[in-house]
């Protein structure tokens, strides 16, 4: 899958003023796409 973001500068998000995290709060992709691997990763971290 491929996408473009006008706020992305290399791996830094100019809108959120931090590293790019697709779908995170404040991201232009928030609520528009699902990131299943990202959700799985969060669940694994919580169980540790």
PDB file of N, CA and C in Angstrom:
ATOM      1  N   UNK A   1       0.847  -1.177   0.000  1.00  0.00           N
ATOM      2  CA  UNK A   1       0.000   0.000   0.000  1.00  0.00           C
ATOM      3  C   UNK A   1       0.893   1.240   0.000  1.00  0.00           C
ATOM      4  N   UNK A   2       0.459   2.239  -0.699  1.00  0.00           N
ATOM      5  CA  UNK A   2       1.223   3.469  -0.803  1.00  0.00           C
ATOM      6  C   UNK A   2       0.313   4.664  -0.565  1.00  0.00           C
ATOM      7  N   UNK A   3       0.863   5.723   0.023  1.00  0.00           N
ATOM      8  CA  UNK A   3       0.094   6.936   0.271  1.00  0.00           C
ATOM      9  C   UNK A   3       1.037   8.124   0.318  1.00  0.00           C
ATOM     10  N   UNK A   4       0.490   9.291   0.143  1.00  0.00           N
ATOM     11  CA  UNK A   4       1.272  10.520   0.204  1.00  0.00           C
ATOM     12  C   UNK A   4       0.657  11.446   1.239  1.00  0.00           C
ATOM     13  N   UNK A   5       1.496  12.205   1.923  1.00  0.00           N
ATOM     14  CA  UNK A   5       1.026  13.155   2.914  1.00  0.00           C
ATOM     15  C   UNK A   5       1.796  14.455   2.741  1.00  0.00           C
ATOM     16  N   UNK A   6       1.081  15.553   2.632  1.00  0.00           N
ATOM     17  CA  UNK A   6       1.744  16.836   2.422  1.00  0.00           C
ATOM     18  C   UNK A   6       2.522  17.306   3.655  1.00  0.00           C
ATOM     19  N   UNK A   7       2.257  16.691   4.805  1.00  0.00           N
ATOM     20  CA  UNK A   7       2.937  17.076   6.042  1.00  0.00           C
ATOM     21  C   UNK A   7       4.191  16.251   6.312  1.00  0.00           C
ATOM     22  N   UNK A   8       4.416  15.197   5.539  1.00  0.00           N
ATOM     23  CA  UNK A   8       5.532  14.296   5.775  1.00  0.00           C
ATOM     24  C   UNK A   8       6.823  14.861   5.195  1.00  0.00           C
ATOM     25  N   UNK A   9       7.847  14.934   6.037  1.00  0.00           N
ATOM     26  CA  UNK A   9       9.181  15.384   5.642  1.00  0.00           C
ATOM     27  C   UNK A   9      10.138  14.281   6.062  1.00  0.00           C
ATOM     28  N   UNK A  10      10.524  13.426   5.095  1.00  0.00           N
ATOM     29  CA  UNK A  10      11.288  12.211   5.371  1.00  0.00           C
ATOM     30  C   UNK A  10      10.447  11.322   6.290  1.00  0.00           C
ATOM     31  N   UNK A  11      10.774  11.200   7.568  1.00  0.00           N
ATOM     32  CA  UNK A  11       9.988  10.400   8.505  1.00  0.00           C
ATOM     33  C   UNK A  11       9.351  11.275   9.589  1.00  0.00           C
ATOM     34  N   UNK A  12       9.426  12.596   9.417  1.00  0.00           N
ATOM     35  CA  UNK A  12       8.913  13.540  10.415  1.00  0.00           C
ATOM     36  C   UNK A  12       7.608  14.159   9.946  1.00  0.00           C
ATOM     37  N   UNK A  13       6.612  14.217  10.837  1.00  0.00           N
ATOM     38  CA  UNK A  13       5.317  14.814  10.525  1.00  0.00           C
ATOM     39  C   UNK A  13       5.340  16.289  10.945  1.00  0.00           C
ATOM     40  N   UNK A  14       5.241  17.178   9.977  1.00  0.00           N
ATOM     41  CA  UNK A  14       5.251  18.614  10.254  1.00  0.00           C
ATOM     42  C   UNK A  14       3.960  19.052  10.949  1.00  0.00           C
ATOM     43  N   UNK A  15       2.857  18.358  10.726  1.00  0.00           N
ATOM     44  CA  UNK A  15       1.587  18.717  11.351  1.00  0.00           C
ATOM     45  C   UNK A  15       1.586  18.363  12.839  1.00  0.00           C
ATOM     46  N   UNK A  16       2.059  17.153  13.169  1.00  0.00           N
ATOM     47  CA  UNK A  16       2.051  16.684  14.552  1.00  0.00           C
ATOM     48  C   UNK A  16       3.338  17.032  15.297  1.00  0.00           C
ATOM     49  N   UNK A  17       4.338  17.528  14.580  1.00  0.00           N
ATOM     50  CA  UNK A  17       5.634  17.924  15.154  1.00  0.00           C
ATOM     51  C   UNK A  17       6.343  16.762  15.857  1.00  0.00           C
ATOM     52  N   UNK A  18       6.289  15.573  15.229  1.00  0.00           N
ATOM     53  CA  UNK A  18       6.980  14.400  15.747  1.00  0.00           C
ATOM     54  C   UNK A  18       7.110  13.368  14.637  1.00  0.00           C
ATOM     55  N   UNK A  19       7.736  12.241  14.949  1.00  0.00           N
ATOM     56  CA  UNK A  19       7.906  11.197  13.954  1.00  0.00           C
ATOM     57  C   UNK A  19       6.547  10.752  13.414  1.00  0.00           C
ATOM     58  N   UNK A  20       6.523  10.379  12.156  1.00  0.00           N
ATOM     59  CA  UNK A  20       5.290   9.930  11.506  1.00  0.00           C
ATOM     60  C   UNK A  20       4.759   8.674  12.186  1.00  0.00           C
ATOM     61  N   UNK A  21       3.482   8.675  12.497  1.00  0.00           N
ATOM     62  CA  UNK A  21       2.780   7.542  13.084  1.00  0.00           C
ATOM     63  C   UNK A  21       1.410   7.499  12.404  1.00  0.00           C
ATOM     64  N   UNK A  22       1.326   6.848  11.229  1.00  0.00           N
ATOM     65  CA  UNK A  22       0.085   6.856  10.458  1.00  0.00           C
ATOM     66  C   UNK A  22      -1.131   6.422  11.259  1.00  0.00           C
ATOM     67  N   UNK A  23      -2.160   7.251  11.225  1.00  0.00           N
ATOM     68  CA  UNK A  23      -3.404   6.938  11.908  1.00  0.00           C
ATOM     69  C   UNK A  23      -3.480   7.427  13.345  1.00  0.00           C
ATOM     70  N   UNK A  24      -2.393   7.994  13.873  1.00  0.00           N
ATOM     71  CA  UNK A  24      -2.384   8.486  15.251  1.00  0.00           C
ATOM     72  C   UNK A  24      -3.267   9.730  15.383  1.00  0.00           C
ATOM     73  N   UNK A  25      -3.597  10.086  16.614  1.00  0.00           N
ATOM     74  CA  UNK A  25      -4.416  11.257  16.884  1.00  0.00           C
ATOM     75  C   UNK A  25      -3.776  12.495  16.246  1.00  0.00           C
ATOM     76  N   UNK A  26      -4.555  13.226  15.470  1.00  0.00           N
ATOM     77  CA  UNK A  26      -4.059  14.414  14.790  1.00  0.00           C
ATOM     78  C   UNK A  26      -3.562  14.160  13.377  1.00  0.00           C
ATOM     79  N   UNK A  27      -3.411  12.895  13.025  1.00  0.00           N
ATOM     80  CA  UNK A  27      -2.941  12.516  11.690  1.00  0.00           C
ATOM     81  C   UNK A  27      -4.075  12.675  10.680  1.00  0.00           C
ATOM     82  N   UNK A  28      -3.745  13.101   9.463  1.00  0.00           N
ATOM     83  CA  UNK A  28      -4.765  13.255   8.423  1.00  0.00           C
ATOM     84  C   UNK A  28      -5.383  11.907   8.035  1.00  0.00           C
ATOM     85  N   UNK A  29      -4.733  10.800   8.367  1.00  0.00           N
ATOM     86  CA  UNK A  29      -5.258   9.476   8.051  1.00  0.00           C
ATOM     87  C   UNK A  29      -6.117   8.906   9.178  1.00  0.00           C
ATOM     88  N   UNK A  30      -6.160   9.565  10.319  1.00  0.00           N
ATOM     89  CA  UNK A  30      -6.913   9.067  11.476  1.00  0.00           C
ATOM     90  C   UNK A  30      -8.372   8.817  11.114  1.00  0.00           C
ATOM     91  N   UNK A  31      -8.830   7.599  11.369  1.00  0.00           N
ATOM     92  CA  UNK A  31     -10.217   7.234  11.108  1.00  0.00           C
ATOM     93  C   UNK A  31     -10.540   6.924   9.662  1.00  0.00           C
ATOM     94  N   UNK A  32      -9.617   7.160   8.751  1.00  0.00           N
ATOM     95  CA  UNK A  32      -9.868   6.906   7.331  1.00  0.00           C
ATOM     96  C   UNK A  32      -9.374   5.529   6.912  1.00  0.00           C
ATOM     97  N   UNK A  33      -8.366   5.022   7.617  1.00  0.00           N
ATOM     98  CA  UNK A  33      -7.773   3.736   7.293  1.00  0.00           C
ATOM     99  C   UNK A  33      -7.542   2.943   8.572  1.00  0.00           C
ATOM    100  N   UNK A  34      -7.502   1.632   8.442  1.00  0.00           N
ATOM    101  CA  UNK A  34      -7.189   0.761   9.577  1.00  0.00           C
ATOM    102  C   UNK A  34      -5.743   0.300   9.444  1.00  0.00           C
ATOM    103  N   UNK A  35      -5.057   0.213  10.553  1.00  0.00           N
ATOM    104  CA  UNK A  35      -3.671  -0.231  10.577  1.00  0.00           C
ATOM    105  C   UNK A  35      -3.585  -1.457  11.493  1.00  0.00           C
ATOM    106  N   UNK A  36      -3.990  -2.642  10.982  1.00  0.00           N
ATOM    107  CA  UNK A  36      -4.094  -3.833  11.825  1.00  0.00           C
ATOM    108  C   UNK A  36      -2.787  -4.257  12.475  1.00  0.00           C
ATOM    109  N   UNK A  37      -1.676  -4.159  11.812  1.00  0.00           N
ATOM    110  CA  UNK A  37      -0.393  -4.542  12.408  1.00  0.00           C
ATOM    111  C   UNK A  37      -0.038  -3.611  13.557  1.00  0.00           C
ATOM    112  N   UNK A  38      -0.394  -2.352  13.445  1.00  0.00           N
ATOM    113  CA  UNK A  38      -0.142  -1.379  14.493  1.00  0.00           C
ATOM    114  C   UNK A  38      -0.964  -1.736  15.733  1.00  0.00           C
ATOM    115  N   UNK A  39      -2.226  -2.102  15.562  1.00  0.00           N
ATOM    116  CA  UNK A  39      -3.088  -2.469  16.682  1.00  0.00           C
ATOM    117  C   UNK A  39      -2.573  -3.733  17.361  1.00  0.00           C
ATOM    118  N   UNK A  40      -2.105  -4.686  16.576  1.00  0.00           N
ATOM    119  CA  UNK A  40      -1.567  -5.925  17.127  1.00  0.00           C
ATOM    120  C   UNK A  40      -0.331  -5.620  17.965  1.00  0.00           C
ATOM    121  N   UNK A  41       0.495  -4.733  17.491  1.00  0.00           N
ATOM    122  CA  UNK A  41       1.710  -4.341  18.205  1.00  0.00           C
ATOM    123  C   UNK A  41       1.377  -3.719  19.557  1.00  0.00           C
ATOM    124  N   UNK A  42       0.360  -2.856  19.605  1.00  0.00           N
ATOM    125  CA  UNK A  42      -0.062  -2.211  20.855  1.00  0.00           C
ATOM    126  C   UNK A  42      -0.565  -3.259  21.846  1.00  0.00           C
ATOM    127  N   UNK A  43      -1.320  -4.239  21.358  1.00  0.00           N
ATOM    128  CA  UNK A  43      -1.871  -5.283  22.226  1.00  0.00           C
ATOM    129  C   UNK A  43      -0.749  -6.131  22.819  1.00  0.00           C
ATOM    130  N   UNK A  44       0.268  -6.408  22.033  1.00  0.00           N
ATOM    131  CA  UNK A  44       1.403  -7.206  22.513  1.00  0.00           C
ATOM    132  C   UNK A  44       2.170  -6.445  23.588  1.00  0.00           C
ATOM    133  N   UNK A  45       2.328  -5.146  23.436  1.00  0.00           N
ATOM    134  CA  UNK A  45       3.042  -4.344  24.418  1.00  0.00           C
ATOM    135  C   UNK A  45       2.305  -4.297  25.746  1.00  0.00           C
ATOM    136  N   UNK A  46       0.966  -4.227  25.694  1.00  0.00           N
ATOM    137  CA  UNK A  46       0.160  -4.170  26.906  1.00  0.00           C
ATOM    138  C   UNK A  46       0.232  -5.477  27.695  1.00  0.00           C
ATOM    139  N   UNK A  47       0.351  -6.606  26.993  1.00  0.00           N
ATOM    140  CA  UNK A  47       0.363  -7.897  27.666  1.00  0.00           C
ATOM    141  C   UNK A  47       1.693  -8.193  28.344  1.00  0.00           C
ATOM    142  N   UNK A  48       2.728  -7.421  28.053  1.00  0.00           N
ATOM    143  CA  UNK A  48       4.061  -7.648  28.663  1.00  0.00           C
ATOM    144  C   UNK A  48       4.173  -7.053  30.032  1.00  0.00           C
TER     145      UNK A  48
END
